[in-house]
């Protein structure tokens, strides 16, 4: 039987849903209002640039108290701001303390989504050292002191966020691609699924919602003629899928995903990452991800993207 576990929870609000109190006829409603926040060094600028490339109107380093005037401007009749993203961070100093309450007030008027960017302490330290800049809350302490202060300050905002993206293992190009996958043409599918293969020896993807383990199948690595190939090779795929229990695994796993993805759609969670792992992320996980993709693409309302994280590693 398939086994899987949820690794992250997100609550994305549909971009065209309406709040309980409808706007008056004199107001126009922006298609999307997004607040981008999170840890310093986690990639806010990269996300802002990616959203601009998608046609969003992006305002960087906006004091939380200016969120409502920005929304008023966007809702003004004839406004040319259909999709708005405001980047808010601790550089606002004391003004930042009001962010949680400001978000609550805005959500009473129109759907507002919050994207929170996070990363491990190690990743953040490495990034600050690379650019040779101090943490904005470091003061006379160390980088880790500043990161700890920011985590404490951001905890309440993190709790009310709709989507948490862990960027620890991302470079700027991978993060920009993720943003594009999340926010380009969102209305075309009820749930957008990313199927990702990986190698357990390199770690489980931190942003996975569901994780499946393919290591119960014999490893093609030990077949001399298959060792240098990958799960894309029909010979490897056939070897994997013809093993005892493999097709039953695929059948039952896909069947289990049906009600899960339907539930995600009902709970306004239109993005899901399903990770499939084997030892090195080269043979079994790749073959199974491609097989899962074939089945899921036949489901109505599901948009599938395939990613092979560790393919190509030595």
Protein backbone atom coordinates (compact mmCIF):
# COMPACT_ATOMS: atom_id res chain seq x y z
CA UNK A 1 0.00 0.00 0.00
CA UNK A 2 1.13 3.58 -0.61
CA UNK A 3 2.33 5.51 2.39
CA UNK A 4 2.58 9.28 2.51
CA UNK A 5 2.66 12.12 5.03
CA UNK A 6 1.85 15.81 4.85
CA UNK A 7 4.92 18.00 5.30
CA UNK A 8 3.50 21.51 4.89
CA UNK A 9 0.10 23.19 5.09
CA UNK A 10 -0.96 26.23 3.05
CA UNK A 11 -4.26 28.05 2.71
CA UNK A 12 -4.28 29.96 -0.56
CA UNK A 13 -7.40 32.06 -1.01
CA UNK A 14 -8.89 31.89 -4.52
CA UNK A 15 -8.01 35.12 -6.35
CA UNK A 16 -11.56 35.87 -7.43
CA UNK A 17 -13.44 34.91 -4.27
CA UNK A 18 -15.36 37.67 -2.47
CA UNK A 19 -15.44 38.66 1.19
CA UNK A 20 -18.64 38.58 3.21
CA UNK A 21 -19.04 42.34 2.82
CA UNK A 22 -19.17 43.07 -0.90
CA UNK A 23 -17.57 46.23 -2.26
CA UNK A 24 -19.97 49.01 -3.22
CA UNK A 25 -20.82 49.56 -6.85
CA UNK A 26 -18.53 52.62 -6.87
CA UNK A 27 -15.50 50.41 -6.22
CA UNK A 28 -13.57 48.21 -8.58
CA UNK A 29 -11.98 45.08 -7.19
CA UNK A 30 -8.39 44.08 -8.01
CA UNK A 31 -7.98 40.58 -9.35
CA UNK A 32 -5.40 39.72 -6.70
CA UNK A 33 -3.83 41.33 -3.64
CA UNK A 34 -0.68 39.67 -2.37
CA UNK A 35 1.52 40.52 0.62
CA UNK A 36 5.06 39.15 0.36
CA UNK A 37 6.96 38.97 3.62
CA UNK A 38 9.27 36.67 5.57
CA UNK A 39 12.83 36.42 6.72
CA UNK A 40 15.51 38.81 5.50
CA UNK A 41 17.68 36.96 3.01
CA UNK A 42 14.96 34.45 2.13
CA UNK A 43 14.35 35.88 -1.35
CA UNK A 44 11.75 38.66 -1.18
CA UNK A 45 13.47 40.70 -3.90
CA UNK A 46 13.62 37.69 -6.20
CA UNK A 47 9.90 37.04 -5.67
CA UNK A 48 9.10 40.72 -6.29
CA UNK A 49 11.03 40.67 -9.57
CA UNK A 50 9.33 37.46 -10.69
CA UNK A 51 5.88 38.90 -9.95
CA UNK A 52 6.74 42.05 -11.91
CA UNK A 53 7.71 39.83 -14.84
CA UNK A 54 4.24 38.28 -14.61
CA UNK A 55 2.63 41.72 -14.88
CA UNK A 56 1.93 42.41 -11.22
CA UNK A 57 2.18 45.90 -9.76
CA UNK A 58 4.79 45.47 -7.03
CA UNK A 59 5.57 47.89 -4.19
CA UNK A 60 8.73 47.10 -2.20
CA UNK A 61 9.43 47.92 1.47
CA UNK A 62 5.93 49.25 2.04
CA UNK A 63 5.09 50.27 5.64
CA UNK A 64 2.12 48.18 6.83
CA UNK A 65 0.11 51.36 7.48
CA UNK A 66 0.26 52.09 3.74
CA UNK A 67 -1.41 48.81 2.76
CA UNK A 68 -4.92 50.23 3.13
CA UNK A 69 -4.24 53.37 1.03
CA UNK A 70 -2.71 51.12 -1.62
CA UNK A 71 -5.82 48.95 -1.64
CA UNK A 72 -8.04 52.06 -1.78
CA UNK A 73 -6.11 53.16 -4.86
CA UNK A 74 -6.49 49.76 -6.48
CA UNK A 75 -10.26 49.72 -5.77
CA UNK A 76 -10.79 53.20 -7.18
CA UNK A 77 -13.06 53.16 -10.25
CA UNK A 78 -11.02 52.84 -13.41
CA UNK A 79 -7.94 51.63 -11.57
CA UNK A 80 -5.30 50.05 -13.76
CA UNK A 81 -3.91 47.85 -11.00
CA UNK A 82 -5.53 44.43 -11.49
CA UNK A 83 -2.92 42.47 -9.47
CA UNK A 84 -0.99 44.02 -6.62
CA UNK A 85 1.90 42.70 -4.54
CA UNK A 86 3.27 44.57 -1.53
CA UNK A 87 6.63 43.51 -0.08
CA UNK A 88 6.70 44.15 3.67
CA UNK A 89 9.60 43.43 6.01
CA UNK A 90 11.20 44.39 9.32
CA UNK A 91 13.00 47.36 7.78
CA UNK A 92 9.85 49.26 8.71
CA UNK A 93 11.00 49.16 12.33
CA UNK A 94 8.22 49.93 14.83
CA UNK A 95 5.77 50.27 11.95
CA UNK A 96 6.12 46.53 11.28
CA UNK A 97 4.43 45.66 14.59
CA UNK A 98 1.05 46.58 13.08
CA UNK A 99 1.31 44.22 10.11
CA UNK A 100 -0.84 41.40 11.52
CA UNK A 101 -3.69 43.74 12.46
CA UNK A 102 -3.42 45.56 9.12
CA UNK A 103 -3.77 42.26 7.27
CA UNK A 104 -6.85 41.38 9.31
CA UNK A 105 -8.48 44.71 8.46
CA UNK A 106 -7.73 44.30 4.75
CA UNK A 107 -9.20 40.80 4.69
CA UNK A 108 -12.50 42.21 5.89
CA UNK A 109 -12.72 44.17 2.64
CA UNK A 110 -11.26 41.90 -0.03
CA UNK A 111 -9.35 38.61 -0.35
CA UNK A 112 -5.73 39.25 0.62
CA UNK A 113 -3.14 36.49 0.48
CA UNK A 114 0.11 36.41 2.42
CA UNK A 115 3.21 34.63 1.10
CA UNK A 116 5.88 34.01 3.73
CA UNK A 117 9.45 33.27 2.65
CA UNK A 118 11.57 31.26 5.07
CA UNK A 119 14.95 29.55 5.15
CA UNK A 120 17.15 27.77 7.65
CA UNK A 121 19.53 29.76 9.83
CA UNK A 122 22.45 28.17 7.98
CA UNK A 123 21.14 29.27 4.59
CA UNK A 124 20.47 32.82 5.80
CA UNK A 125 23.92 33.15 7.36
CA UNK A 126 25.53 31.93 4.15
CA UNK A 127 23.61 34.45 2.05
CA UNK A 128 24.43 37.40 4.30
CA UNK A 129 28.10 36.42 4.32
CA UNK A 130 28.11 36.19 0.54
CA UNK A 131 26.83 39.74 0.10
CA UNK A 132 28.87 41.00 3.11
CA UNK A 133 25.96 42.89 4.62
CA UNK A 134 24.74 42.91 8.23
CA UNK A 135 21.31 41.62 9.21
CA UNK A 136 18.88 44.55 9.68
CA UNK A 137 18.29 43.49 13.31
CA UNK A 138 21.87 42.47 14.07
CA UNK A 139 22.87 45.69 15.83
CA UNK A 140 26.00 44.96 17.91
CA UNK A 141 25.36 41.20 17.95
CA UNK A 142 26.06 38.40 15.51
CA UNK A 143 24.20 37.41 12.38
CA UNK A 144 22.48 34.62 14.32
CA UNK A 145 21.38 37.14 16.95
CA UNK A 146 19.68 39.21 14.25
CA UNK A 147 18.05 36.15 12.68
CA UNK A 148 16.72 35.02 16.07
CA UNK A 149 15.23 38.46 16.77
CA UNK A 150 13.56 38.49 13.35
CA UNK A 151 12.09 35.00 13.78
CA UNK A 152 10.52 36.07 17.07
CA UNK A 153 9.15 39.24 15.51
CA UNK A 154 7.79 37.44 12.43
CA UNK A 155 6.14 34.52 14.23
CA UNK A 156 2.63 36.00 14.33
CA UNK A 157 2.73 36.93 10.65
CA UNK A 158 4.02 33.48 9.73
CA UNK A 159 1.04 31.92 11.52
CA UNK A 160 -1.52 33.84 9.45
CA UNK A 161 0.25 33.36 6.11
CA UNK A 162 -1.47 31.50 3.29
CA UNK A 163 1.63 30.02 1.71
CA UNK A 164 5.05 29.32 3.25
CA UNK A 165 7.94 28.82 0.83
CA UNK A 166 11.17 27.40 2.22
CA UNK A 167 13.93 28.76 -0.04
CA UNK A 168 16.85 27.10 1.75
CA UNK A 169 17.79 24.94 -1.25
CA UNK A 170 16.77 27.41 -3.98
CA UNK A 171 18.98 29.64 -6.07
CA UNK A 172 17.43 32.81 -7.47
CA UNK A 173 16.48 31.12 -10.74
CA UNK A 174 14.74 28.20 -9.04
CA UNK A 175 12.82 30.57 -6.77
CA UNK A 176 11.73 32.70 -9.72
CA UNK A 177 10.54 29.56 -11.52
CA UNK A 178 8.56 28.52 -8.45
CA UNK A 179 6.85 31.93 -8.31
CA UNK A 180 5.97 31.68 -11.99
CA UNK A 181 4.48 28.21 -11.48
CA UNK A 182 2.45 29.46 -8.51
CA UNK A 183 1.08 32.72 -9.82
CA UNK A 184 0.92 32.56 -13.62
CA UNK A 185 -2.60 31.85 -14.96
CA UNK A 186 -3.82 30.53 -11.63
CA UNK A 187 -7.44 30.28 -12.73
CA UNK A 188 -6.82 27.51 -15.26
CA UNK A 189 -6.82 24.65 -12.72
CA UNK A 190 -8.43 23.89 -9.38
CA UNK A 191 -5.19 22.37 -8.08
CA UNK A 192 -1.70 22.76 -9.50
CA UNK A 193 0.42 19.74 -8.64
CA UNK A 194 4.20 19.62 -8.71
CA UNK A 195 5.47 16.04 -8.91
CA UNK A 196 9.09 15.98 -7.73
CA UNK A 197 11.55 13.11 -7.66
CA UNK A 198 14.41 13.21 -5.16
CA UNK A 199 17.09 11.13 -3.48
CA UNK A 200 16.70 10.41 0.22
CA UNK A 201 20.48 10.65 0.67
CA UNK A 202 20.22 14.34 -0.29
CA UNK A 203 17.30 15.02 2.05
CA UNK A 204 13.53 15.24 1.71
CA UNK A 205 12.28 18.39 -0.09
CA UNK A 206 11.30 20.83 2.66
CA UNK A 207 8.26 22.14 0.79
CA UNK A 208 6.70 18.74 0.06
CA UNK A 209 3.06 18.29 1.02
CA UNK A 210 3.05 14.53 0.41
CA UNK A 211 6.07 12.20 0.37
CA UNK A 212 6.14 8.69 -1.15
CA UNK A 213 8.98 6.19 -0.72
CA UNK A 214 10.02 4.12 -3.76
CA UNK A 215 12.83 2.26 -2.01
CA UNK A 216 10.68 -0.83 -1.55
CA UNK A 217 11.39 -1.63 -5.20
CA UNK A 218 14.63 -3.26 -6.44
CA UNK A 219 17.21 -0.67 -7.44
CA UNK A 220 18.12 -0.56 -11.18
CA UNK A 221 21.52 0.77 -10.10
CA UNK A 222 22.59 -2.81 -9.46
CA UNK A 223 21.82 -3.80 -13.06
CA UNK A 224 24.98 -3.16 -15.09
CA UNK A 225 23.07 -2.26 -18.25
CA UNK A 226 20.83 0.23 -16.40
CA UNK A 227 23.27 1.85 -13.97
CA UNK A 228 24.25 4.69 -16.29
CA UNK A 229 20.67 5.35 -17.44
CA UNK A 230 17.88 7.25 -15.64
CA UNK A 231 14.19 6.80 -15.02
CA UNK A 232 13.55 8.56 -18.34
CA UNK A 233 15.00 5.57 -20.16
CA UNK A 234 12.21 3.17 -21.23
CA UNK A 235 14.36 0.24 -20.11
CA UNK A 236 14.60 1.64 -16.57
CA UNK A 237 10.93 2.56 -16.49
CA UNK A 238 9.94 -0.93 -17.62
CA UNK A 239 12.27 -2.52 -15.08
CA UNK A 240 10.79 -0.46 -12.24
CA UNK A 241 7.13 -0.84 -13.17
CA UNK A 242 7.38 -4.57 -13.79
CA UNK A 243 8.63 -5.26 -10.27
CA UNK A 244 6.25 -6.99 -7.88
CA UNK A 245 3.91 -4.46 -6.28
CA UNK A 246 4.97 -1.52 -8.47
CA UNK A 247 1.83 -1.14 -10.56
CA UNK A 248 -0.35 -1.79 -7.50
CA UNK A 249 1.55 0.98 -5.75
CA UNK A 250 0.89 3.39 -8.62
CA UNK A 251 -2.78 2.40 -8.84
CA UNK A 252 -3.49 2.78 -5.12
CA UNK A 253 -1.39 5.92 -4.69
CA UNK A 254 -3.14 7.71 -7.55
CA UNK A 255 -6.52 6.55 -6.23
CA UNK A 256 -5.64 7.93 -2.79
CA UNK A 257 -4.64 11.27 -4.32
CA UNK A 258 -8.10 11.73 -5.88
CA UNK A 259 -9.97 12.63 -2.66
CA UNK A 260 -6.91 14.43 -1.28
CA UNK A 261 -6.66 16.81 -4.24
CA UNK A 262 -10.43 17.31 -4.25
CA UNK A 263 -10.17 18.24 -0.58
CA UNK A 264 -7.34 20.66 -1.33
CA UNK A 265 -9.57 22.39 -3.87
CA UNK A 266 -12.43 22.64 -1.34
CA UNK A 267 -10.08 24.00 1.31
CA UNK A 268 -8.71 26.68 -1.03
CA UNK A 269 -5.32 25.02 -1.32
CA UNK A 270 -4.67 25.16 -5.07
CA UNK A 271 -0.99 24.15 -4.95
CA UNK A 272 0.44 20.80 -3.88
CA UNK A 273 3.93 19.34 -4.06
CA UNK A 274 4.09 15.54 -4.17
CA UNK A 275 7.62 14.22 -3.71
CA UNK A 276 8.69 10.67 -4.60
CA UNK A 277 12.03 9.49 -3.28
CA UNK A 278 14.46 6.68 -3.87
CA UNK A 279 18.08 6.37 -2.75
CA UNK A 280 19.73 8.74 -5.23
CA UNK A 281 16.82 10.28 -7.11
CA UNK A 282 17.92 8.88 -10.45
CA UNK A 283 16.05 5.67 -11.30
CA UNK A 284 12.98 4.52 -9.34
CA UNK A 285 11.68 7.93 -8.21
CA UNK A 286 12.06 9.41 -11.70
CA UNK A 287 10.23 6.51 -13.34
CA UNK A 288 7.40 6.65 -10.80
CA UNK A 289 7.01 10.43 -11.02
CA UNK A 290 6.63 10.17 -14.79
CA UNK A 291 4.07 7.39 -14.35
CA UNK A 292 2.14 9.40 -11.73
CA UNK A 293 2.16 12.40 -14.07
CA UNK A 294 0.56 10.35 -16.84
CA UNK A 295 -2.29 9.34 -14.53
CA UNK A 296 -2.81 12.74 -12.86
CA UNK A 297 -2.92 14.61 -16.16
CA UNK A 298 -6.06 12.65 -16.92
CA UNK A 299 -7.83 14.07 -13.87
CA UNK A 300 -10.12 17.06 -14.49
CA UNK A 301 -9.09 20.32 -12.82
CA UNK A 302 -5.51 19.16 -12.18
CA UNK A 303 -2.49 20.91 -13.70
CA UNK A 304 0.73 18.89 -13.40
CA UNK A 305 4.35 20.04 -13.41
CA UNK A 306 7.21 17.53 -13.20
CA UNK A 307 10.51 18.28 -11.48
CA UNK A 308 13.47 15.94 -10.99
CA UNK A 309 15.47 17.58 -8.21
CA UNK A 310 18.49 15.31 -8.00
CA UNK A 311 18.74 14.04 -11.57
CA UNK A 312 22.26 14.74 -12.76
CA UNK A 313 23.92 14.60 -9.35
CA UNK A 314 26.94 12.34 -9.10
